[in-house]
N, C-alpha and C. Protein backbone atom coordinates (compact mmCIF):
# COMPACT_ATOMS: atom_id res chain seq x y z
N MET A 1 -18.28 -34.62 2.15
CA MET A 1 -18.88 -33.36 1.72
C MET A 1 -18.15 -32.17 2.35
N LYS A 2 -17.84 -31.18 1.52
CA LYS A 2 -17.07 -30.04 2.00
C LYS A 2 -17.96 -29.06 2.77
N THR A 3 -17.42 -28.57 3.87
CA THR A 3 -18.13 -27.59 4.66
C THR A 3 -17.89 -26.19 4.07
N ASN A 4 -18.66 -25.22 4.57
CA ASN A 4 -18.47 -23.84 4.11
C ASN A 4 -17.08 -23.34 4.45
N ASP A 5 -16.56 -23.75 5.62
CA ASP A 5 -15.22 -23.33 6.01
C ASP A 5 -14.18 -23.87 5.05
N ASP A 6 -14.34 -25.15 4.64
CA ASP A 6 -13.39 -25.76 3.70
C ASP A 6 -13.43 -25.02 2.37
N MET A 7 -14.64 -24.70 1.92
CA MET A 7 -14.78 -24.00 0.65
C MET A 7 -14.18 -22.60 0.72
N ASN A 8 -14.36 -21.95 1.87
CA ASN A 8 -13.79 -20.63 2.05
C ASN A 8 -12.27 -20.67 2.05
N GLU A 9 -11.72 -21.73 2.69
CA GLU A 9 -10.27 -21.88 2.73
C GLU A 9 -9.71 -22.10 1.33
N GLU A 10 -10.42 -22.92 0.52
CA GLU A 10 -9.98 -23.16 -0.85
C GLU A 10 -10.03 -21.88 -1.66
N LYS A 11 -11.10 -21.11 -1.46
CA LYS A 11 -11.24 -19.84 -2.17
C LYS A 11 -10.13 -18.89 -1.77
N LEU A 12 -9.83 -18.86 -0.47
CA LEU A 12 -8.76 -18.02 0.04
C LEU A 12 -7.43 -18.42 -0.58
N SER A 13 -7.20 -19.73 -0.66
CA SER A 13 -5.95 -20.22 -1.23
C SER A 13 -5.82 -19.83 -2.69
N GLU A 14 -6.92 -19.96 -3.43
CA GLU A 14 -6.91 -19.59 -4.85
C GLU A 14 -6.64 -18.09 -5.02
N GLN A 15 -7.28 -17.28 -4.18
CA GLN A 15 -7.08 -15.83 -4.25
C GLN A 15 -5.63 -15.47 -3.95
N LEU A 16 -5.07 -16.15 -2.97
CA LEU A 16 -3.69 -15.88 -2.58
C LEU A 16 -2.74 -16.23 -3.71
N GLN A 17 -2.99 -17.36 -4.36
CA GLN A 17 -2.13 -17.76 -5.47
C GLN A 17 -2.16 -16.72 -6.58
N ARG A 18 -3.35 -16.23 -6.90
CA ARG A 18 -3.46 -15.20 -7.93
C ARG A 18 -2.74 -13.93 -7.49
N LEU A 19 -2.88 -13.63 -6.21
CA LEU A 19 -2.24 -12.45 -5.66
C LEU A 19 -0.73 -12.52 -5.77
N LEU A 20 -0.16 -13.65 -5.35
CA LEU A 20 1.29 -13.80 -5.38
C LEU A 20 1.82 -13.70 -6.81
N MET A 21 1.07 -14.27 -7.74
CA MET A 21 1.48 -14.19 -9.15
C MET A 21 1.47 -12.74 -9.63
N SER A 22 0.45 -11.98 -9.21
CA SER A 22 0.37 -10.58 -9.65
C SER A 22 1.48 -9.74 -9.02
N ILE A 23 1.78 -10.02 -7.74
CA ILE A 23 2.85 -9.28 -7.07
C ILE A 23 4.20 -9.61 -7.71
N GLU A 24 4.44 -10.90 -7.98
CA GLU A 24 5.70 -11.29 -8.60
C GLU A 24 5.83 -10.66 -9.98
N ALA A 25 4.73 -10.65 -10.72
CA ALA A 25 4.75 -10.04 -12.05
C ALA A 25 5.02 -8.55 -11.94
N SER A 26 4.42 -7.91 -10.94
CA SER A 26 4.64 -6.48 -10.73
C SER A 26 6.10 -6.21 -10.40
N GLY A 27 6.67 -7.07 -9.55
CA GLY A 27 8.06 -6.89 -9.16
C GLY A 27 8.99 -7.01 -10.35
N ARG A 28 8.72 -7.96 -11.22
CA ARG A 28 9.55 -8.13 -12.40
C ARG A 28 9.38 -6.95 -13.35
N ALA A 29 8.13 -6.46 -13.45
CA ALA A 29 7.86 -5.36 -14.36
C ALA A 29 8.56 -4.08 -13.91
N ILE A 30 8.70 -3.91 -12.60
CA ILE A 30 9.25 -2.66 -12.09
C ILE A 30 10.76 -2.58 -12.28
N LEU A 31 11.44 -3.70 -12.16
CA LEU A 31 12.89 -3.66 -12.16
C LEU A 31 13.43 -3.53 -13.58
N PRO A 32 14.28 -2.56 -13.85
CA PRO A 32 14.79 -1.55 -12.93
C PRO A 32 14.15 -0.19 -13.17
N LYS A 33 12.84 -0.13 -13.37
CA LYS A 33 12.17 1.12 -13.73
C LYS A 33 11.88 1.99 -12.51
N SER A 34 10.62 2.23 -12.23
CA SER A 34 10.25 3.16 -11.16
C SER A 34 9.43 2.49 -10.08
N ASN A 35 9.68 2.89 -8.85
CA ASN A 35 8.93 2.36 -7.72
C ASN A 35 7.44 2.69 -7.84
N ASP A 36 7.12 3.81 -8.48
CA ASP A 36 5.72 4.23 -8.61
C ASP A 36 4.90 3.22 -9.41
N VAL A 37 5.52 2.62 -10.41
CA VAL A 37 4.81 1.63 -11.24
C VAL A 37 4.44 0.41 -10.39
N LEU A 38 5.35 -0.01 -9.54
CA LEU A 38 5.10 -1.14 -8.66
C LEU A 38 3.96 -0.83 -7.70
N LEU A 39 3.99 0.35 -7.09
CA LEU A 39 2.96 0.73 -6.13
C LEU A 39 1.58 0.74 -6.77
N LYS A 40 1.50 1.28 -7.98
CA LYS A 40 0.23 1.33 -8.69
C LYS A 40 -0.29 -0.07 -8.97
N SER A 41 0.61 -0.97 -9.38
CA SER A 41 0.21 -2.35 -9.67
C SER A 41 -0.33 -3.04 -8.43
N ILE A 42 0.32 -2.80 -7.29
CA ILE A 42 -0.09 -3.43 -6.04
C ILE A 42 -1.48 -2.94 -5.61
N VAL A 43 -1.70 -1.64 -5.69
CA VAL A 43 -2.99 -1.08 -5.25
C VAL A 43 -4.13 -1.54 -6.16
N GLU A 44 -3.89 -1.55 -7.45
CA GLU A 44 -4.93 -2.00 -8.38
C GLU A 44 -5.24 -3.48 -8.17
N ALA A 45 -4.20 -4.28 -7.90
CA ALA A 45 -4.42 -5.71 -7.62
C ALA A 45 -5.23 -5.89 -6.34
N ALA A 46 -4.94 -5.08 -5.32
CA ALA A 46 -5.66 -5.17 -4.05
C ALA A 46 -7.14 -4.86 -4.24
N ALA A 47 -7.43 -3.79 -4.96
CA ALA A 47 -8.83 -3.41 -5.17
C ALA A 47 -9.59 -4.52 -5.90
N LYS A 48 -8.94 -5.14 -6.87
CA LYS A 48 -9.59 -6.19 -7.65
C LYS A 48 -9.80 -7.45 -6.82
N ILE A 49 -8.79 -7.87 -6.09
CA ILE A 49 -8.87 -9.11 -5.33
C ILE A 49 -9.87 -9.02 -4.18
N PHE A 50 -9.92 -7.87 -3.53
CA PHE A 50 -10.82 -7.72 -2.38
C PHE A 50 -12.19 -7.18 -2.79
N GLY A 51 -12.38 -6.92 -4.07
CA GLY A 51 -13.66 -6.41 -4.53
C GLY A 51 -14.00 -5.09 -3.89
N ALA A 52 -13.00 -4.21 -3.78
CA ALA A 52 -13.18 -2.94 -3.07
C ALA A 52 -13.46 -1.80 -4.04
N ALA A 53 -14.25 -0.84 -3.58
CA ALA A 53 -14.56 0.33 -4.40
C ALA A 53 -13.37 1.27 -4.50
N ALA A 54 -12.49 1.21 -3.51
CA ALA A 54 -11.32 2.09 -3.50
C ALA A 54 -10.19 1.42 -2.73
N ALA A 55 -8.98 1.86 -2.98
CA ALA A 55 -7.81 1.32 -2.29
C ALA A 55 -6.72 2.38 -2.32
N SER A 56 -5.84 2.33 -1.34
CA SER A 56 -4.74 3.29 -1.31
C SER A 56 -3.54 2.69 -0.60
N LEU A 57 -2.39 3.30 -0.87
CA LEU A 57 -1.15 2.86 -0.25
C LEU A 57 -0.40 4.09 0.22
N LEU A 58 -0.05 4.08 1.50
CA LEU A 58 0.67 5.19 2.11
C LEU A 58 2.04 4.71 2.56
N LEU A 59 3.06 5.52 2.33
CA LEU A 59 4.39 5.21 2.81
C LEU A 59 4.86 6.30 3.75
N VAL A 60 5.73 5.93 4.70
CA VAL A 60 6.19 6.89 5.68
C VAL A 60 7.22 7.82 5.05
N ASN A 61 7.08 9.11 5.34
CA ASN A 61 8.08 10.11 4.97
C ASN A 61 8.86 10.39 6.24
N GLU A 62 10.01 9.75 6.38
CA GLU A 62 10.74 9.81 7.64
C GLU A 62 11.28 11.20 7.94
N GLU A 63 11.66 11.95 6.91
CA GLU A 63 12.20 13.29 7.13
C GLU A 63 11.15 14.21 7.74
N GLU A 64 9.93 14.11 7.27
CA GLU A 64 8.86 14.99 7.76
C GLU A 64 8.01 14.33 8.84
N GLU A 65 8.27 13.05 9.12
CA GLU A 65 7.49 12.27 10.09
C GLU A 65 6.00 12.32 9.74
N MET A 66 5.72 12.02 8.48
CA MET A 66 4.35 12.03 7.98
C MET A 66 4.08 10.76 7.19
N LEU A 67 2.80 10.44 7.03
CA LEU A 67 2.40 9.40 6.11
C LEU A 67 1.94 10.08 4.82
N GLU A 68 2.36 9.52 3.69
CA GLU A 68 2.06 10.15 2.40
C GLU A 68 1.35 9.17 1.49
N PHE A 69 0.24 9.61 0.90
CA PHE A 69 -0.46 8.80 -0.09
C PHE A 69 0.39 8.74 -1.35
N LYS A 70 0.85 7.55 -1.68
CA LYS A 70 1.67 7.36 -2.88
C LYS A 70 0.83 6.95 -4.09
N VAL A 71 -0.17 6.12 -3.82
CA VAL A 71 -1.06 5.66 -4.89
C VAL A 71 -2.46 5.52 -4.33
N ALA A 72 -3.45 5.84 -5.14
CA ALA A 72 -4.85 5.66 -4.74
C ALA A 72 -5.65 5.19 -5.94
N PHE A 73 -6.62 4.34 -5.65
CA PHE A 73 -7.50 3.81 -6.69
C PHE A 73 -8.93 4.04 -6.24
N GLY A 74 -9.73 4.70 -7.06
CA GLY A 74 -11.11 4.93 -6.67
C GLY A 74 -11.54 6.37 -6.90
N PRO A 75 -12.66 6.77 -6.31
CA PRO A 75 -13.26 8.08 -6.56
C PRO A 75 -12.35 9.28 -6.28
N ALA A 76 -11.50 9.19 -5.27
CA ALA A 76 -10.69 10.36 -4.90
C ALA A 76 -9.21 10.15 -5.22
N ASP A 77 -8.91 9.29 -6.21
CA ASP A 77 -7.54 8.91 -6.45
C ASP A 77 -6.61 10.08 -6.78
N ARG A 78 -7.05 10.99 -7.63
CA ARG A 78 -6.18 12.09 -8.04
C ARG A 78 -5.93 13.08 -6.90
N ASP A 79 -6.94 13.31 -6.09
CA ASP A 79 -6.81 14.28 -5.01
C ASP A 79 -5.93 13.76 -3.88
N LEU A 80 -5.88 12.45 -3.70
CA LEU A 80 -5.16 11.89 -2.56
C LEU A 80 -3.65 11.83 -2.77
N VAL A 81 -3.21 11.47 -3.96
CA VAL A 81 -1.79 11.24 -4.21
C VAL A 81 -0.97 12.48 -3.86
N GLY A 82 0.03 12.28 -3.02
CA GLY A 82 0.89 13.38 -2.58
C GLY A 82 0.43 14.02 -1.28
N THR A 83 -0.79 13.71 -0.85
CA THR A 83 -1.30 14.27 0.40
C THR A 83 -0.57 13.64 1.59
N LYS A 84 -0.23 14.46 2.57
CA LYS A 84 0.47 13.98 3.76
C LYS A 84 -0.32 14.34 5.03
N PHE A 85 -0.17 13.50 6.04
CA PHE A 85 -0.78 13.82 7.34
C PHE A 85 0.04 13.15 8.44
N PRO A 86 -0.07 13.62 9.68
CA PRO A 86 0.73 13.07 10.78
C PRO A 86 0.58 11.56 10.90
N MET A 87 1.69 10.90 11.16
CA MET A 87 1.70 9.44 11.18
C MET A 87 0.95 8.83 12.36
N ASP A 88 0.45 9.66 13.28
CA ASP A 88 -0.32 9.13 14.41
C ASP A 88 -1.79 9.52 14.32
N LYS A 89 -2.24 9.97 13.14
CA LYS A 89 -3.62 10.41 12.99
C LYS A 89 -4.42 9.45 12.09
N GLY A 90 -5.70 9.35 12.38
CA GLY A 90 -6.58 8.55 11.55
C GLY A 90 -6.38 7.05 11.71
N ILE A 91 -7.15 6.28 10.96
CA ILE A 91 -7.04 4.83 11.01
C ILE A 91 -5.69 4.38 10.48
N ALA A 92 -5.24 5.00 9.40
CA ALA A 92 -3.93 4.64 8.84
C ALA A 92 -2.82 4.92 9.85
N GLY A 93 -2.94 6.04 10.56
CA GLY A 93 -1.95 6.38 11.57
C GLY A 93 -1.94 5.38 12.71
N TYR A 94 -3.13 4.94 13.11
CA TYR A 94 -3.22 3.94 14.18
C TYR A 94 -2.55 2.63 13.76
N VAL A 95 -2.81 2.22 12.53
CA VAL A 95 -2.22 0.98 12.02
C VAL A 95 -0.70 1.12 11.94
N PHE A 96 -0.23 2.29 11.50
CA PHE A 96 1.21 2.52 11.40
C PHE A 96 1.87 2.49 12.76
N MET A 97 1.28 3.16 13.74
CA MET A 97 1.89 3.28 15.07
C MET A 97 1.87 1.96 15.83
N THR A 98 0.80 1.18 15.65
CA THR A 98 0.67 -0.07 16.41
C THR A 98 1.22 -1.29 15.66
N GLY A 99 1.30 -1.19 14.34
CA GLY A 99 1.73 -2.33 13.54
C GLY A 99 0.68 -3.42 13.47
N MET A 100 -0.58 -3.06 13.78
CA MET A 100 -1.67 -4.03 13.78
C MET A 100 -2.71 -3.68 12.73
N PRO A 101 -3.31 -4.72 12.08
CA PRO A 101 -4.35 -4.46 11.08
C PRO A 101 -5.66 -4.09 11.74
N ILE A 102 -6.53 -3.44 10.97
CA ILE A 102 -7.85 -3.02 11.46
C ILE A 102 -8.89 -3.29 10.38
N ALA A 103 -10.04 -3.80 10.81
CA ALA A 103 -11.20 -3.90 9.92
C ALA A 103 -12.36 -3.25 10.65
N THR A 104 -12.91 -2.19 10.08
CA THR A 104 -14.04 -1.52 10.71
C THR A 104 -15.19 -1.45 9.72
N SER A 105 -16.37 -1.84 10.18
CA SER A 105 -17.54 -1.92 9.29
C SER A 105 -18.34 -0.62 9.25
N ASN A 106 -18.08 0.27 10.20
CA ASN A 106 -18.79 1.55 10.23
C ASN A 106 -17.83 2.63 10.72
N VAL A 107 -17.18 3.30 9.78
CA VAL A 107 -16.15 4.27 10.16
C VAL A 107 -16.74 5.46 10.92
N GLN A 108 -18.03 5.72 10.72
CA GLN A 108 -18.66 6.86 11.39
C GLN A 108 -18.65 6.69 12.91
N GLU A 109 -18.60 5.43 13.36
CA GLU A 109 -18.62 5.16 14.79
C GLU A 109 -17.23 4.88 15.35
N ASP A 110 -16.21 4.96 14.49
CA ASP A 110 -14.84 4.68 14.92
C ASP A 110 -14.14 6.01 15.20
N LYS A 111 -13.76 6.23 16.45
CA LYS A 111 -13.16 7.49 16.87
C LYS A 111 -11.80 7.73 16.20
N ARG A 112 -11.19 6.65 15.71
CA ARG A 112 -9.88 6.82 15.06
C ARG A 112 -10.01 7.38 13.66
N PHE A 113 -11.19 7.30 13.09
CA PHE A 113 -11.41 7.75 11.71
C PHE A 113 -11.37 9.27 11.62
N ASN A 114 -10.61 9.79 10.66
CA ASN A 114 -10.46 11.22 10.48
C ASN A 114 -11.55 11.72 9.52
N GLN A 115 -12.68 12.11 10.08
CA GLN A 115 -13.85 12.51 9.29
C GLN A 115 -13.56 13.74 8.42
N ASP A 116 -12.93 14.73 9.01
CA ASP A 116 -12.68 15.97 8.29
C ASP A 116 -11.79 15.73 7.06
N PHE A 117 -10.77 14.90 7.24
CA PHE A 117 -9.88 14.63 6.11
C PHE A 117 -10.63 13.89 5.00
N ALA A 118 -11.42 12.90 5.38
CA ALA A 118 -12.18 12.13 4.39
C ALA A 118 -13.13 13.03 3.61
N LYS A 119 -13.81 13.93 4.32
CA LYS A 119 -14.75 14.84 3.66
C LYS A 119 -14.03 15.76 2.70
N SER A 120 -12.80 16.13 3.04
CA SER A 120 -12.04 17.04 2.18
C SER A 120 -11.67 16.39 0.85
N THR A 121 -11.63 15.05 0.81
CA THR A 121 -11.30 14.35 -0.43
C THR A 121 -12.54 14.13 -1.30
N GLY A 122 -13.72 14.32 -0.71
CA GLY A 122 -14.95 14.10 -1.46
C GLY A 122 -15.43 12.66 -1.44
N TYR A 123 -14.74 11.81 -0.68
CA TYR A 123 -15.15 10.39 -0.60
C TYR A 123 -15.06 9.92 0.85
N VAL A 124 -16.20 9.63 1.43
CA VAL A 124 -16.24 9.14 2.81
C VAL A 124 -16.68 7.69 2.77
N PRO A 125 -15.80 6.75 3.10
CA PRO A 125 -16.13 5.33 3.03
C PRO A 125 -17.03 4.88 4.18
N ASN A 126 -17.62 3.72 4.02
CA ASN A 126 -18.40 3.12 5.10
C ASN A 126 -17.56 2.12 5.88
N SER A 127 -16.78 1.32 5.16
CA SER A 127 -15.96 0.30 5.81
C SER A 127 -14.52 0.38 5.30
N ILE A 128 -13.59 0.00 6.15
CA ILE A 128 -12.16 0.04 5.82
C ILE A 128 -11.46 -1.20 6.36
N LEU A 129 -10.57 -1.74 5.55
CA LEU A 129 -9.64 -2.78 6.00
C LEU A 129 -8.25 -2.22 5.76
N ALA A 130 -7.48 -2.07 6.82
CA ALA A 130 -6.15 -1.48 6.73
C ALA A 130 -5.13 -2.39 7.40
N THR A 131 -3.95 -2.48 6.81
CA THR A 131 -2.91 -3.34 7.37
C THR A 131 -1.55 -2.70 7.18
N PRO A 132 -0.61 -2.94 8.11
CA PRO A 132 0.72 -2.33 7.98
C PRO A 132 1.56 -3.02 6.92
N LEU A 133 2.45 -2.27 6.32
CA LEU A 133 3.45 -2.82 5.41
C LEU A 133 4.75 -2.91 6.20
N ILE A 134 5.20 -4.13 6.44
CA ILE A 134 6.37 -4.36 7.30
C ILE A 134 7.52 -4.90 6.46
N SER A 135 8.66 -4.22 6.53
CA SER A 135 9.83 -4.60 5.73
C SER A 135 10.48 -5.86 6.28
N THR A 136 11.47 -6.36 5.56
CA THR A 136 12.15 -7.58 5.96
C THR A 136 12.93 -7.42 7.27
N ASP A 137 13.25 -6.17 7.63
CA ASP A 137 13.94 -5.94 8.90
C ASP A 137 12.98 -5.43 9.98
N ASP A 138 11.68 -5.77 9.79
CA ASP A 138 10.64 -5.50 10.79
C ASP A 138 10.35 -4.02 11.02
N ARG A 139 10.58 -3.19 10.03
CA ARG A 139 10.17 -1.78 10.12
C ARG A 139 8.82 -1.60 9.44
N VAL A 140 7.95 -0.80 10.04
CA VAL A 140 6.69 -0.47 9.39
C VAL A 140 6.98 0.65 8.40
N ILE A 141 6.87 0.35 7.11
CA ILE A 141 7.23 1.33 6.09
C ILE A 141 6.01 2.04 5.49
N GLY A 142 4.82 1.56 5.86
CA GLY A 142 3.61 2.19 5.33
C GLY A 142 2.35 1.45 5.71
N VAL A 143 1.26 1.81 5.06
CA VAL A 143 -0.05 1.22 5.35
C VAL A 143 -0.79 1.02 4.02
N MET A 144 -1.48 -0.09 3.92
CA MET A 144 -2.34 -0.33 2.77
C MET A 144 -3.78 -0.39 3.24
N GLU A 145 -4.67 0.24 2.47
CA GLU A 145 -6.09 0.26 2.81
C GLU A 145 -6.93 -0.16 1.62
N VAL A 146 -7.99 -0.93 1.90
CA VAL A 146 -9.04 -1.17 0.91
C VAL A 146 -10.34 -0.70 1.55
N LEU A 147 -11.18 -0.05 0.73
CA LEU A 147 -12.37 0.60 1.27
C LEU A 147 -13.63 0.12 0.56
N ASP A 148 -14.66 -0.09 1.34
CA ASP A 148 -16.00 -0.40 0.84
C ASP A 148 -16.05 -1.60 -0.10
N LYS A 149 -16.23 -2.77 0.49
CA LYS A 149 -16.38 -3.98 -0.31
C LYS A 149 -17.68 -3.90 -1.11
N ILE A 150 -17.57 -4.09 -2.42
CA ILE A 150 -18.70 -3.84 -3.31
C ILE A 150 -19.87 -4.79 -3.10
N ASP A 151 -19.59 -6.08 -2.95
CA ASP A 151 -20.66 -7.08 -2.87
C ASP A 151 -21.13 -7.39 -1.45
N GLU A 152 -20.46 -6.85 -0.45
CA GLU A 152 -20.83 -7.11 0.94
C GLU A 152 -20.75 -5.82 1.74
N SER A 153 -21.38 -5.82 2.90
CA SER A 153 -21.43 -4.60 3.70
C SER A 153 -20.12 -4.29 4.41
N SER A 154 -19.29 -5.32 4.64
CA SER A 154 -18.03 -5.09 5.33
C SER A 154 -17.03 -6.19 5.00
N PHE A 155 -15.79 -5.99 5.42
CA PHE A 155 -14.74 -6.97 5.23
C PHE A 155 -14.78 -7.97 6.39
N ASN A 156 -14.44 -9.24 6.10
CA ASN A 156 -14.51 -10.28 7.12
C ASN A 156 -13.12 -10.76 7.53
N MET A 157 -13.08 -11.78 8.38
CA MET A 157 -11.81 -12.29 8.89
C MET A 157 -10.96 -12.91 7.79
N HIS A 158 -11.61 -13.53 6.81
CA HIS A 158 -10.86 -14.10 5.69
C HIS A 158 -10.18 -12.98 4.89
N ASP A 159 -10.89 -11.88 4.73
CA ASP A 159 -10.30 -10.73 4.05
C ASP A 159 -9.07 -10.22 4.81
N MET A 160 -9.19 -10.16 6.13
CA MET A 160 -8.08 -9.69 6.94
C MET A 160 -6.88 -10.62 6.84
N GLU A 161 -7.16 -11.93 6.83
CA GLU A 161 -6.08 -12.92 6.71
C GLU A 161 -5.39 -12.79 5.36
N LEU A 162 -6.19 -12.67 4.31
CA LEU A 162 -5.63 -12.54 2.97
C LEU A 162 -4.87 -11.22 2.84
N MET A 163 -5.41 -10.17 3.43
CA MET A 163 -4.76 -8.86 3.37
C MET A 163 -3.39 -8.89 4.04
N GLY A 164 -3.29 -9.64 5.14
CA GLY A 164 -2.01 -9.77 5.81
C GLY A 164 -0.97 -10.42 4.93
N LEU A 165 -1.37 -11.48 4.23
CA LEU A 165 -0.46 -12.17 3.32
C LEU A 165 -0.12 -11.28 2.13
N PHE A 166 -1.13 -10.56 1.65
CA PHE A 166 -0.94 -9.63 0.55
C PHE A 166 0.09 -8.56 0.94
N ALA A 167 -0.11 -7.97 2.09
CA ALA A 167 0.76 -6.88 2.55
C ALA A 167 2.19 -7.38 2.76
N GLN A 168 2.33 -8.60 3.23
CA GLN A 168 3.67 -9.16 3.45
C GLN A 168 4.44 -9.23 2.14
N GLN A 169 3.79 -9.75 1.10
CA GLN A 169 4.44 -9.85 -0.20
C GLN A 169 4.67 -8.47 -0.80
N ALA A 170 3.69 -7.60 -0.66
CA ALA A 170 3.81 -6.25 -1.21
C ALA A 170 4.96 -5.49 -0.55
N ALA A 171 5.07 -5.60 0.78
CA ALA A 171 6.12 -4.89 1.51
C ALA A 171 7.50 -5.36 1.07
N MET A 172 7.64 -6.65 0.83
CA MET A 172 8.93 -7.19 0.38
C MET A 172 9.29 -6.60 -0.99
N ALA A 173 8.31 -6.55 -1.88
CA ALA A 173 8.56 -6.01 -3.22
C ALA A 173 8.89 -4.52 -3.15
N ILE A 174 8.15 -3.77 -2.32
CA ILE A 174 8.38 -2.33 -2.18
C ILE A 174 9.75 -2.07 -1.58
N ASP A 175 10.08 -2.81 -0.53
CA ASP A 175 11.37 -2.64 0.15
C ASP A 175 12.52 -2.89 -0.81
N GLN A 176 12.40 -3.95 -1.59
CA GLN A 176 13.45 -4.28 -2.57
C GLN A 176 13.56 -3.19 -3.63
N SER A 177 12.42 -2.72 -4.10
CA SER A 177 12.41 -1.68 -5.12
C SER A 177 13.02 -0.38 -4.60
N GLN A 178 12.71 -0.03 -3.35
CA GLN A 178 13.26 1.19 -2.75
C GLN A 178 14.77 1.08 -2.62
N GLN A 179 15.26 -0.09 -2.24
CA GLN A 179 16.70 -0.28 -2.11
C GLN A 179 17.40 -0.12 -3.45
N ILE A 180 16.76 -0.64 -4.51
CA ILE A 180 17.34 -0.51 -5.84
C ILE A 180 17.34 0.95 -6.28
N ASP A 181 16.23 1.66 -5.97
CA ASP A 181 16.16 3.09 -6.29
C ASP A 181 17.27 3.85 -5.57
N GLU A 182 17.52 3.52 -4.30
CA GLU A 182 18.56 4.20 -3.53
C GLU A 182 19.93 3.95 -4.12
N ILE A 183 20.18 2.71 -4.55
CA ILE A 183 21.47 2.38 -5.16
C ILE A 183 21.65 3.14 -6.46
N GLN A 184 20.59 3.18 -7.28
CA GLN A 184 20.66 3.90 -8.55
C GLN A 184 20.88 5.39 -8.33
N ASN A 185 20.21 5.96 -7.32
CA ASN A 185 20.40 7.38 -7.02
C ASN A 185 21.82 7.67 -6.54
N SER A 186 22.36 6.77 -5.71
CA SER A 186 23.73 6.95 -5.23
C SER A 186 24.72 6.88 -6.37
N MET A 187 24.50 5.94 -7.28
CA MET A 187 25.38 5.81 -8.45
C MET A 187 25.31 7.05 -9.32
N ALA A 188 24.11 7.61 -9.46
CA ALA A 188 23.94 8.81 -10.27
C ALA A 188 24.68 9.99 -9.65
N ARG A 189 24.62 10.09 -8.30
CA ARG A 189 25.32 11.19 -7.62
C ARG A 189 26.83 11.05 -7.77
N LEU A 190 27.32 9.82 -7.72
CA LEU A 190 28.75 9.58 -7.87
C LEU A 190 29.21 9.83 -9.30
N GLU A 191 28.34 9.55 -10.24
CA GLU A 191 28.68 9.67 -11.65
C GLU A 191 28.69 11.13 -12.11
N ALA A 192 27.87 11.97 -11.48
CA ALA A 192 27.75 13.37 -11.90
C ALA A 192 29.08 14.12 -11.86
N PRO A 193 29.86 14.06 -10.75
CA PRO A 193 31.15 14.78 -10.72
C PRO A 193 32.11 14.28 -11.79
N ARG A 194 32.08 12.97 -12.05
CA ARG A 194 32.96 12.41 -13.06
C ARG A 194 32.65 12.97 -14.44
N GLN A 195 31.35 13.02 -14.74
CA GLN A 195 30.94 13.54 -16.03
C GLN A 195 31.29 15.02 -16.15
N SER A 196 31.13 15.76 -15.03
CA SER A 196 31.47 17.17 -15.02
C SER A 196 32.95 17.37 -15.27
N GLY A 197 33.77 16.50 -14.65
CA GLY A 197 35.23 16.57 -14.83
C GLY A 197 35.63 16.28 -16.26
N GLN A 198 34.96 15.32 -16.87
CA GLN A 198 35.25 14.96 -18.26
C GLN A 198 34.92 16.13 -19.18
N ILE A 199 33.81 16.81 -18.91
CA ILE A 199 33.42 17.96 -19.74
C ILE A 199 34.45 19.07 -19.64
N GLU A 200 34.93 19.34 -18.39
CA GLU A 200 35.94 20.37 -18.21
C GLU A 200 37.26 20.01 -18.91
N THR A 201 37.62 18.73 -18.88
CA THR A 201 38.85 18.28 -19.53
C THR A 201 38.75 18.49 -21.04
N LEU A 202 37.59 18.15 -21.58
CA LEU A 202 37.40 18.31 -23.03
C LEU A 202 37.41 19.77 -23.43
N ALA A 203 36.92 20.63 -22.50
CA ALA A 203 36.88 22.05 -22.81
C ALA A 203 38.30 22.64 -22.82
């Protein structure tokens, strides 16, 4: 007879398999289009798999030393995208700086939670599960968050374990997509002078 732990492990395994398939599908769909499409697919998959009311993905802006909301799903999705804040502030900042995941069941009692920022978006969550996005060369490139589990009061250890695996696959896909975007941008910059020269020659 299977124990609750065994059943939970099987459920976790099934969820992970669905997750990996969705991430792989997202990765194939993005290439060679836009990194934004991939990010949106990842966030929407996260919200669905974790049964969360909202989800978001932040990437580091190295030039400005800020974390930037790239994609958001939920009540404040439109207001969040493009918003930046210091990489050492809030729960996302803590996760980014430490490289460690966090699950908090009551953000009101967590001193790391940025209350003022949350209120400014019009959506203040009760619980948050956040995990770092770590590239293949061990750089923290961003943070993924899922907020307010719909069917339960908070996220549990199984959610955190699954989120870690989710973030690992997501970070690999994002890192690869960013590298492709950089190559395409470099090729475009190199091609521009050539095209300009051809136009002048024809003139």
